[in-house]
Every structure is written in structure tokens, then in C-alpha cells.
């Protein structure tokens, strides 16, 4: 069974956001490694949202083309 790519991306975003929240909830100071991983996850979250936007636009364009 094939899954919807947007659903997979949304699930990945949620996992990354949970990791971001866990990082910020830690007691004490964040290490340089923590900050580096946090920044990397932030970049990945942004990239995934761009991919979701692209998928949404493609679907919209396909629906518009069919309606014409």
C-alpha cells in the first residue's frame, strides 16, 4: 500500500518538532553539539515545509487543470 507523501512529511516534521521541544526543555545549558543539532533540525523542518508547499501547489494546479 502506498502512502501519501504529504502525510509522511507531516509525520517527520512532527518528530523533528518534538526533538526541538525536548532539547529546549533540558535542564542546564545546551552544548555546542545540542545547538548544532537544533539548527540542523530547524533547517530540515524548513525544507520539509517547502516540500509540503510544493506538493500542495502541484495538487492545486492539477485540480485547476481538470476543472478547465
PDB file of N, CA and C in Angstrom:
ATOM      1  N   UNK A   1       0.839  -1.186   0.000  1.00  0.00           N
ATOM      2  CA  UNK A   1       0.000   0.000   0.000  1.00  0.00           C
ATOM      3  C   UNK A   1       0.882   1.248   0.000  1.00  0.00           C
ATOM      4  N   UNK A   2       0.548   2.190  -0.867  1.00  0.00           N
ATOM      5  CA  UNK A   2       1.319   3.413  -0.988  1.00  0.00           C
ATOM      6  C   UNK A   2       0.732   4.488  -0.076  1.00  0.00           C
ATOM      7  N   UNK A   3       1.597   5.213   0.611  1.00  0.00           N
ATOM      8  CA  UNK A   3       1.106   6.267   1.496  1.00  0.00           C
ATOM      9  C   UNK A   3       1.256   7.622   0.811  1.00  0.00           C
ATOM     10  N   UNK A   4       0.514   8.567   1.282  1.00  0.00           N
ATOM     11  CA  UNK A   4       0.552   9.927   0.774  1.00  0.00           C
ATOM     12  C   UNK A   4       1.877  10.574   1.192  1.00  0.00           C
ATOM     13  N   UNK A   5       2.647  11.101   0.228  1.00  0.00           N
ATOM     14  CA  UNK A   5       3.923  11.735   0.586  1.00  0.00           C
ATOM     15  C   UNK A   5       3.763  12.878   1.589  1.00  0.00           C
ATOM     16  N   UNK A   6       2.685  13.626   1.478  1.00  0.00           N
ATOM     17  CA  UNK A   6       2.468  14.744   2.402  1.00  0.00           C
ATOM     18  C   UNK A   6       2.292  14.232   3.827  1.00  0.00           C
ATOM     19  N   UNK A   7       1.609  13.107   3.995  1.00  0.00           N
ATOM     20  CA  UNK A   7       1.425  12.531   5.334  1.00  0.00           C
ATOM     21  C   UNK A   7       2.756  12.106   5.930  1.00  0.00           C
ATOM     22  N   UNK A   8       3.602  11.518   5.111  1.00  0.00           N
ATOM     23  CA  UNK A   8       4.930  11.108   5.583  1.00  0.00           C
ATOM     24  C   UNK A   8       5.753  12.319   6.010  1.00  0.00           C
ATOM     25  N   UNK A   9       5.674  13.389   5.224  1.00  0.00           N
ATOM     26  CA  UNK A   9       6.418  14.604   5.545  1.00  0.00           C
ATOM     27  C   UNK A   9       5.892  15.228   6.830  1.00  0.00           C
ATOM     28  N   UNK A  10       4.582  15.285   6.975  1.00  0.00           N
ATOM     29  CA  UNK A  10       3.988  15.855   8.194  1.00  0.00           C
ATOM     30  C   UNK A  10       4.412  15.063   9.429  1.00  0.00           C
ATOM     31  N   UNK A  11       4.454  13.747   9.295  1.00  0.00           N
ATOM     32  CA  UNK A  11       4.870  12.897  10.410  1.00  0.00           C
ATOM     33  C   UNK A  11       6.343  13.183  10.774  1.00  0.00           C
ATOM     34  N   UNK A  12       7.175  13.338   9.759  1.00  0.00           N
ATOM     35  CA  UNK A  12       8.581  13.643  10.010  1.00  0.00           C
ATOM     36  C   UNK A  12       8.748  15.006  10.674  1.00  0.00           C
ATOM     37  N   UNK A  13       7.971  15.989  10.220  1.00  0.00           N
ATOM     38  CA  UNK A  13       8.019  17.328  10.829  1.00  0.00           C
ATOM     39  C   UNK A  13       7.637  17.243  12.299  1.00  0.00           C
ATOM     40  N   UNK A  14       6.575  16.515  12.604  1.00  0.00           N
ATOM     41  CA  UNK A  14       6.144  16.384  13.999  1.00  0.00           C
ATOM     42  C   UNK A  14       7.233  15.760  14.866  1.00  0.00           C
ATOM     43  N   UNK A  15       7.916  14.761  14.339  1.00  0.00           N
ATOM     44  CA  UNK A  15       9.003  14.126  15.091  1.00  0.00           C
ATOM     45  C   UNK A  15      10.142  15.115  15.335  1.00  0.00           C
ATOM     46  N   UNK A  16      10.480  15.884  14.308  1.00  0.00           N
ATOM     47  CA  UNK A  16      11.552  16.865  14.456  1.00  0.00           C
ATOM     48  C   UNK A  16      11.172  17.962  15.454  1.00  0.00           C
ATOM     49  N   UNK A  17       9.932  18.396  15.408  1.00  0.00           N
ATOM     50  CA  UNK A  17       9.468  19.429  16.350  1.00  0.00           C
ATOM     51  C   UNK A  17       9.521  18.893  17.773  1.00  0.00           C
ATOM     52  N   UNK A  18       9.133  17.639  17.964  1.00  0.00           N
ATOM     53  CA  UNK A  18       9.219  17.032  19.300  1.00  0.00           C
ATOM     54  C   UNK A  18      10.655  17.034  19.808  1.00  0.00           C
ATOM     55  N   UNK A  19      11.596  16.711  18.936  1.00  0.00           N
ATOM     56  CA  UNK A  19      13.010  16.743  19.332  1.00  0.00           C
ATOM     57  C   UNK A  19      13.447  18.165  19.695  1.00  0.00           C
ATOM     58  N   UNK A  20      12.957  19.150  18.943  1.00  0.00           N
ATOM     59  CA  UNK A  20      13.288  20.543  19.256  1.00  0.00           C
ATOM     60  C   UNK A  20      12.771  20.911  20.640  1.00  0.00           C
ATOM     61  N   UNK A  21      11.544  20.519  20.934  1.00  0.00           N
ATOM     62  CA  UNK A  21      10.947  20.820  22.234  1.00  0.00           C
ATOM     63  C   UNK A  21      11.716  20.130  23.355  1.00  0.00           C
ATOM     64  N   UNK A  22      12.050  18.862  23.145  1.00  0.00           N
ATOM     65  CA  UNK A  22      12.830  18.128  24.155  1.00  0.00           C
ATOM     66  C   UNK A  22      14.165  18.814  24.420  1.00  0.00           C
ATOM     67  N   UNK A  23      14.800  19.283  23.372  1.00  0.00           N
ATOM     68  CA  UNK A  23      16.090  19.972  23.524  1.00  0.00           C
ATOM     69  C   UNK A  23      15.934  21.220  24.376  1.00  0.00           C
ATOM     70  N   UNK A  24      14.895  21.988  24.119  1.00  0.00           N
ATOM     71  CA  UNK A  24      14.702  23.236  24.857  1.00  0.00           C
ATOM     72  C   UNK A  24      14.254  23.013  26.299  1.00  0.00           C
ATOM     73  N   UNK A  25      13.696  21.865  26.587  1.00  0.00           N
ATOM     74  CA  UNK A  25      13.240  21.567  27.950  1.00  0.00           C
ATOM     75  C   UNK A  25      14.346  21.033  28.856  1.00  0.00           C
ATOM     76  N   UNK A  26      15.481  20.738  28.292  1.00  0.00           N
ATOM     77  CA  UNK A  26      16.568  20.177  29.097  1.00  0.00           C
ATOM     78  C   UNK A  26      17.017  21.165  30.169  1.00  0.00           C
ATOM     79  N   UNK A  27      17.360  20.605  31.315  1.00  0.00           N
ATOM     80  CA  UNK A  27      17.915  21.433  32.383  1.00  0.00           C
ATOM     81  C   UNK A  27      19.355  21.800  32.031  1.00  0.00           C
ATOM     82  N   UNK A  28      19.752  22.962  32.449  1.00  0.00           N
ATOM     83  CA  UNK A  28      21.132  23.379  32.227  1.00  0.00           C
ATOM     84  C   UNK A  28      21.340  23.992  30.856  1.00  0.00           C
ATOM     85  N   UNK A  29      22.609  24.225  30.561  1.00  0.00           N
ATOM     86  CA  UNK A  29      22.984  24.866  29.304  1.00  0.00           C
ATOM     87  C   UNK A  29      23.038  23.844  28.181  1.00  0.00           C
ATOM     88  N   UNK A  30      22.729  24.311  26.987  1.00  0.00           N
ATOM     89  CA  UNK A  30      22.865  23.454  25.817  1.00  0.00           C
ATOM     90  C   UNK A  30      24.321  23.444  25.382  1.00  0.00           C
ATOM     91  N   UNK A  31      24.784  22.286  24.957  1.00  0.00           N
ATOM     92  CA  UNK A  31      26.164  22.178  24.469  1.00  0.00           C
ATOM     93  C   UNK A  31      26.229  22.693  23.036  1.00  0.00           C
ATOM     94  N   UNK A  32      27.446  22.875  22.541  1.00  0.00           N
ATOM     95  CA  UNK A  32      27.615  23.273  21.149  1.00  0.00           C
ATOM     96  C   UNK A  32      27.002  22.231  20.216  1.00  0.00           C
ATOM     97  N   UNK A  33      27.143  20.979  20.574  1.00  0.00           N
ATOM     98  CA  UNK A  33      26.569  19.894  19.778  1.00  0.00           C
ATOM     99  C   UNK A  33      25.037  19.978  19.768  1.00  0.00           C
ATOM    100  N   UNK A  34      24.445  20.251  20.940  1.00  0.00           N
ATOM    101  CA  UNK A  34      22.988  20.421  21.024  1.00  0.00           C
ATOM    102  C   UNK A  34      22.520  21.528  20.083  1.00  0.00           C
ATOM    103  N   UNK A  35      23.232  22.651  20.110  1.00  0.00           N
ATOM    104  CA  UNK A  35      22.859  23.795  19.279  1.00  0.00           C
ATOM    105  C   UNK A  35      23.027  23.493  17.798  1.00  0.00           C
ATOM    106  N   UNK A  36      24.086  22.789  17.466  1.00  0.00           N
ATOM    107  CA  UNK A  36      24.322  22.415  16.076  1.00  0.00           C
ATOM    108  C   UNK A  36      23.206  21.494  15.573  1.00  0.00           C
ATOM    109  N   UNK A  37      22.829  20.521  16.381  1.00  0.00           N
ATOM    110  CA  UNK A  37      21.745  19.609  16.006  1.00  0.00           C
ATOM    111  C   UNK A  37      20.417  20.360  15.925  1.00  0.00           C
ATOM    112  N   UNK A  38      20.208  21.290  16.842  1.00  0.00           N
ATOM    113  CA  UNK A  38      18.981  22.099  16.843  1.00  0.00           C
ATOM    114  C   UNK A  38      18.878  22.889  15.537  1.00  0.00           C
ATOM    115  N   UNK A  39      19.988  23.535  15.146  1.00  0.00           N
ATOM    116  CA  UNK A  39      19.999  24.304  13.896  1.00  0.00           C
ATOM    117  C   UNK A  39      19.765  23.406  12.690  1.00  0.00           C
ATOM    118  N   UNK A  40      20.375  22.244  12.690  1.00  0.00           N
ATOM    119  CA  UNK A  40      20.204  21.305  11.575  1.00  0.00           C
ATOM    120  C   UNK A  40      18.742  20.865  11.470  1.00  0.00           C
ATOM    121  N   UNK A  41      18.130  20.569  12.607  1.00  0.00           N
ATOM    122  CA  UNK A  41      16.718  20.173  12.590  1.00  0.00           C
ATOM    123  C   UNK A  41      15.842  21.326  12.116  1.00  0.00           C
ATOM    124  N   UNK A  42      16.156  22.537  12.528  1.00  0.00           N
ATOM    125  CA  UNK A  42      15.386  23.703  12.084  1.00  0.00           C
ATOM    126  C   UNK A  42      15.454  23.842  10.565  1.00  0.00           C
ATOM    127  N   UNK A  43      16.636  23.652  10.018  1.00  0.00           N
ATOM    128  CA  UNK A  43      16.794  23.707   8.562  1.00  0.00           C
ATOM    129  C   UNK A  43      16.006  22.609   7.871  1.00  0.00           C
ATOM    130  N   UNK A  44      16.013  21.425   8.445  1.00  0.00           N
ATOM    131  CA  UNK A  44      15.269  20.303   7.873  1.00  0.00           C
ATOM    132  C   UNK A  44      13.760  20.547   7.950  1.00  0.00           C
ATOM    133  N   UNK A  45      13.305  21.117   9.050  1.00  0.00           N
ATOM    134  CA  UNK A  45      11.882  21.449   9.183  1.00  0.00           C
ATOM    135  C   UNK A  45      11.489  22.457   8.095  1.00  0.00           C
ATOM    136  N   UNK A  46      12.299  23.460   7.876  1.00  0.00           N
ATOM    137  CA  UNK A  46      12.017  24.456   6.830  1.00  0.00           C
ATOM    138  C   UNK A  46      11.981  23.804   5.456  1.00  0.00           C
ATOM    139  N   UNK A  47      12.933  22.916   5.189  1.00  0.00           N
ATOM    140  CA  UNK A  47      12.986  22.232   3.900  1.00  0.00           C
ATOM    141  C   UNK A  47      11.734  21.375   3.693  1.00  0.00           C
ATOM    142  N   UNK A  48      11.322  20.683   4.744  1.00  0.00           N
ATOM    143  CA  UNK A  48      10.137  19.833   4.637  1.00  0.00           C
ATOM    144  C   UNK A  48       8.867  20.653   4.409  1.00  0.00           C
ATOM    145  N   UNK A  49       8.761  21.812   5.060  1.00  0.00           N
ATOM    146  CA  UNK A  49       7.605  22.674   4.827  1.00  0.00           C
ATOM    147  C   UNK A  49       7.594  23.203   3.392  1.00  0.00           C
ATOM    148  N   UNK A  50       8.761  23.481   2.834  1.00  0.00           N
ATOM    149  CA  UNK A  50       8.832  23.895   1.437  1.00  0.00           C
ATOM    150  C   UNK A  50       8.355  22.771   0.526  1.00  0.00           C
ATOM    151  N   UNK A  51       8.722  21.543   0.855  1.00  0.00           N
ATOM    152  CA  UNK A  51       8.279  20.386   0.084  1.00  0.00           C
ATOM    153  C   UNK A  51       6.755  20.227   0.186  1.00  0.00           C
ATOM    154  N   UNK A  52       6.204  20.408   1.384  1.00  0.00           N
ATOM    155  CA  UNK A  52       4.751  20.354   1.542  1.00  0.00           C
ATOM    156  C   UNK A  52       4.069  21.430   0.696  1.00  0.00           C
ATOM    157  N   UNK A  53       4.651  22.613   0.672  1.00  0.00           N
ATOM    158  CA  UNK A  53       4.102  23.703  -0.120  1.00  0.00           C
ATOM    159  C   UNK A  53       4.124  23.337  -1.602  1.00  0.00           C
ATOM    160  N   UNK A  54       5.222  22.748  -2.064  1.00  0.00           N
ATOM    161  CA  UNK A  54       5.336  22.333  -3.459  1.00  0.00           C
ATOM    162  C   UNK A  54       4.280  21.280  -3.797  1.00  0.00           C
ATOM    163  N   UNK A  55       4.088  20.310  -2.909  1.00  0.00           N
ATOM    164  CA  UNK A  55       3.082  19.267  -3.125  1.00  0.00           C
ATOM    165  C   UNK A  55       1.687  19.888  -3.211  1.00  0.00           C
ATOM    166  N   UNK A  56       1.392  20.802  -2.291  1.00  0.00           N
ATOM    167  CA  UNK A  56       0.085  21.463  -2.295  1.00  0.00           C
ATOM    168  C   UNK A  56      -0.154  22.255  -3.564  1.00  0.00           C
ATOM    169  N   UNK A  57       0.863  22.954  -4.037  1.00  0.00           N
ATOM    170  CA  UNK A  57       0.710  23.739  -5.271  1.00  0.00           C
ATOM    171  C   UNK A  57       0.501  22.823  -6.473  1.00  0.00           C
ATOM    172  N   UNK A  58       1.232  21.716  -6.503  1.00  0.00           N
ATOM    173  CA  UNK A  58       1.079  20.762  -7.600  1.00  0.00           C
ATOM    174  C   UNK A  58      -0.332  20.198  -7.624  1.00  0.00           C
ATOM    175  N   UNK A  59      -0.835  19.814  -6.461  1.00  0.00           N
ATOM    176  CA  UNK A  59      -2.209  19.287  -6.385  1.00  0.00           C
ATOM    177  C   UNK A  59      -3.223  20.332  -6.823  1.00  0.00           C
ATOM    178  N   UNK A  60      -3.026  21.568  -6.400  1.00  0.00           N
ATOM    179  CA  UNK A  60      -3.932  22.651  -6.774  1.00  0.00           C
ATOM    180  C   UNK A  60      -3.905  22.861  -8.277  1.00  0.00           C
ATOM    181  N   UNK A  61      -2.697  22.859  -8.864  1.00  0.00           N
ATOM    182  CA  UNK A  61      -2.576  23.036 -10.316  1.00  0.00           C
ATOM    183  C   UNK A  61      -3.266  21.906 -11.066  1.00  0.00           C
ATOM    184  N   UNK A  62      -3.137  20.687 -10.585  1.00  0.00           N
ATOM    185  CA  UNK A  62      -3.784  19.550 -11.237  1.00  0.00           C
ATOM    186  C   UNK A  62      -5.306  19.667 -11.166  1.00  0.00           C
ATOM    187  N   UNK A  63      -5.828  20.063  -9.998  1.00  0.00           N
ATOM    188  CA  UNK A  63      -7.277  20.241  -9.855  1.00  0.00           C
ATOM    189  C   UNK A  63      -7.789  21.361 -10.752  1.00  0.00           C
ATOM    190  N   UNK A  64      -7.024  22.436 -10.834  1.00  0.00           N
ATOM    191  CA  UNK A  64      -7.429  23.562 -11.677  1.00  0.00           C
ATOM    192  C   UNK A  64      -7.445  23.154 -13.145  1.00  0.00           C
ATOM    193  N   UNK A  65      -6.458  22.367 -13.547  1.00  0.00           N
ATOM    194  CA  UNK A  65      -6.381  21.915 -14.937  1.00  0.00           C
ATOM    195  C   UNK A  65      -7.557  21.008 -15.273  1.00  0.00           C
ATOM    196  N   UNK A  66      -7.940  20.170 -14.348  1.00  0.00           N
ATOM    197  CA  UNK A  66      -9.078  19.262 -14.579  1.00  0.00           C
ATOM    198  C   UNK A  66     -10.392  20.024 -14.657  1.00  0.00           C
ATOM    199  N   UNK A  67     -10.505  21.077 -13.869  1.00  0.00           N
ATOM    200  CA  UNK A  67     -11.743  21.854 -13.835  1.00  0.00           C
ATOM    201  C   UNK A  67     -11.927  22.688 -15.107  1.00  0.00           C
ATOM    202  N   UNK A  68     -10.835  22.934 -15.799  1.00  0.00           N
ATOM    203  CA  UNK A  68     -10.896  23.785 -17.007  1.00  0.00           C
ATOM    204  C   UNK A  68     -11.499  23.066 -18.194  1.00  0.00           C
TER     205      UNK A  68
END
